[in-house]
Each structure stands twice: as structure tokens, then as C-alpha cells.
C-alpha atoms as a PDB file:
ATOM      1  CA  MET A   1      -1.234   8.123  -0.635  1.00  0.00           C
ATOM      2  CA  LYS A   2      -4.266   5.952   0.089  1.00  0.00           C
ATOM      3  CA  ASP A   3      -5.612   6.235  -3.465  1.00  0.00           C
ATOM      4  CA  ARG A   4      -2.207   5.475  -4.996  1.00  0.00           C
ATOM      5  CA  THR A   5      -1.810   2.492  -2.707  1.00  0.00           C
ATOM      6  CA  ILE A   6      -5.239   1.112  -3.615  1.00  0.00           C
ATOM      7  CA  ALA A   7      -4.644   1.545  -7.356  1.00  0.00           C
ATOM      8  CA  SER A   8      -1.243  -0.163  -7.167  1.00  0.00           C
ATOM      9  CA  LEU A   9      -2.561  -2.891  -4.889  1.00  0.00           C
ATOM     10  CA  LYS A  10      -5.237  -3.803  -7.432  1.00  0.00           C
ATOM     11  CA  ILE A  11      -2.551  -4.188 -10.103  1.00  0.00           C
ATOM     12  CA  ALA A  12      -0.439  -6.335  -7.754  1.00  0.00           C
ATOM     13  CA  LYS A  13      -3.216  -8.756  -6.797  1.00  0.00           C
ATOM     14  CA  GLY A  14      -1.132 -11.874  -7.529  1.00  0.00           C
ATOM     15  CA  GLN A  15       1.535 -10.622  -5.153  1.00  0.00           C
ATOM     16  CA  TRP A  16      -0.715 -10.022  -2.161  1.00  0.00           C
ATOM     17  CA  PRO A  17       0.504 -13.074  -0.207  1.00  0.00           C
ATOM     18  CA  ALA A  18       4.111 -11.855  -0.439  1.00  0.00           C
ATOM     19  CA  ILE A  19       3.082  -8.270   0.364  1.00  0.00           C
ATOM     20  CA  GLN A  20       1.100  -9.557   3.325  1.00  0.00           C
ATOM     21  CA  ARG A  21       4.129 -11.415   4.694  1.00  0.00           C
ATOM     22  CA  GLU A  22       6.472  -8.484   4.103  1.00  0.00           C
ATOM     23  CA  THR A  23       4.216  -5.871   5.708  1.00  0.00           C
ATOM     24  CA  ARG A  24       2.661  -8.053   8.430  1.00  0.00           C
ATOM     25  CA  VAL A  25      -0.778  -6.842   7.357  1.00  0.00           C
ATOM     26  CA  SER A  26      -3.463  -9.509   7.097  1.00  0.00           C
ATOM     27  CA  TYR A  27      -4.564 -10.736   3.692  1.00  0.00           C
ATOM     28  CA  SER A  28      -8.169  -9.872   4.525  1.00  0.00           C
ATOM     29  CA  TRP A  29      -7.104  -6.303   5.364  1.00  0.00           C
ATOM     30  CA  LEU A  30      -5.415  -6.017   1.953  1.00  0.00           C
ATOM     31  CA  CYS A  31      -8.629  -7.267   0.302  1.00  0.00           C
ATOM     32  CA  LYS A  32     -10.747  -4.756   2.197  1.00  0.00           C
ATOM     33  CA  LEU A  33      -8.359  -1.903   1.408  1.00  0.00           C
ATOM     34  CA  ALA A  34      -8.380  -2.752  -2.310  1.00  0.00           C
ATOM     35  CA  GLN A  35     -12.183  -2.799  -2.242  1.00  0.00           C
ATOM     36  CA  GLY A  36     -12.274   0.626  -0.583  1.00  0.00           C
ATOM     37  CA  GLN A  37     -14.045  -0.655   2.532  1.00  0.00           C
ATOM     38  CA  PHE A  38     -12.059   1.582   4.893  1.00  0.00           C
ATOM     39  CA  ALA A  39     -13.134   5.188   5.170  1.00  0.00           C
ATOM     40  CA  ASP A  40     -10.299   5.881   7.621  1.00  0.00           C
ATOM     41  CA  ALA A  41      -7.686   3.127   7.287  1.00  0.00           C
ATOM     42  CA  SER A  42      -4.592   3.111   9.478  1.00  0.00           C
ATOM     43  CA  SER A  43      -1.967   5.369   7.908  1.00  0.00           C
ATOM     44  CA  ASP A  44       0.783   3.133   9.304  1.00  0.00           C
ATOM     45  CA  LYS A  45      -0.570   0.078   7.478  1.00  0.00           C
ATOM     46  CA  ILE A  46      -1.144   2.018   4.265  1.00  0.00           C
ATOM     47  CA  GLU A  47       2.417   3.318   4.387  1.00  0.00           C
ATOM     48  CA  ARG A  48       3.846  -0.178   4.931  1.00  0.00           C
ATOM     49  CA  VAL A  49       1.865  -1.522   1.963  1.00  0.00           C
ATOM     50  CA  TYR A  50       2.798   1.475  -0.188  1.00  0.00           C
ATOM     51  CA  ARG A  51       6.505   1.055   0.576  1.00  0.00           C
ATOM     52  CA  ALA A  52       6.319  -2.657  -0.281  1.00  0.00           C
ATOM     53  CA  LEU A  53       4.649  -1.802  -3.594  1.00  0.00           C
ATOM     54  CA  VAL A  54       7.354   0.788  -4.354  1.00  0.00           C
ATOM     55  CA  ARG A  55      10.104  -1.755  -3.595  1.00  0.00           C
ATOM     56  CA  ARG A  56       8.475  -4.102  -6.094  1.00  0.00           C
ATOM     57  CA  GLY A  57       8.256  -1.390  -8.739  1.00  0.00           C
ATOM     58  CA  LEU A  58       4.448  -1.429  -8.605  1.00  0.00           C
ATOM     59  CA  ALA A  59       4.029   2.130  -7.342  1.00  0.00           C
ATOM     60  CA  GLU A  60       5.901   5.338  -8.011  1.00  0.00           C
ATOM     61  CA  PRO A  61       7.807   6.677  -5.028  1.00  0.00           C
ATOM     62  CA  GLN A  62       6.129   9.682  -3.491  1.00  0.00           C
ATOM     63  CA  VAL A  63       8.329  12.757  -3.601  1.00  0.00           C
ATOM     64  CA  ASP A  64       8.922  14.322  -0.216  1.00  0.00           C
ATOM     65  CA  PHE A  65      10.138  17.904  -0.119  1.00  0.00           C
ATOM     66  CA  SER A  66       9.749  18.309   3.634  1.00  0.00           C
ATOM     67  CA  ASP A  67      13.499  18.691   4.209  1.00  0.00           C
ATOM     68  CA  CYS A  68      13.950  21.315   1.449  1.00  0.00           C
ATOM     69  CA  ALA A  69      13.579  24.674   3.101  1.00  0.00           C
END
């Protein structure tokens, strides 16, 4: 998910201020994530950013088959 989030975040650069407000993640954190400066970024923050990107149509939803058994 991290790689998808970074790729989509780079495409959405003009929308970072809105994504920052929606996710409550700092703008500088978004910049650092997009630049790949985090070897082990918080999965919670990445998920919040990813979900915001999906809501904006900037990332494909990740398919989850965990409840299909």
C-alpha cells in the first residue's frame, strides 16, 4: 500500500493541502512520504492518506478478500 500511496500522492501534488486537512497529517510529512524519506512510515498515516486519495479518485481501491472464506 505504501508504494501505491506514494505514486498517487505524487500525481495529486496540487491537492496536498486539502489532503493534509482531511487526514490531519502534516504537509511536511506528506512531502517526506512522497520523497520516500521514510523507511518505516506509520501504517495508520499511510492508510489515512491512501483512503483520501481513493475518495478523490486518485488511487484505485485496494481489494480486500479477508472476509471471503
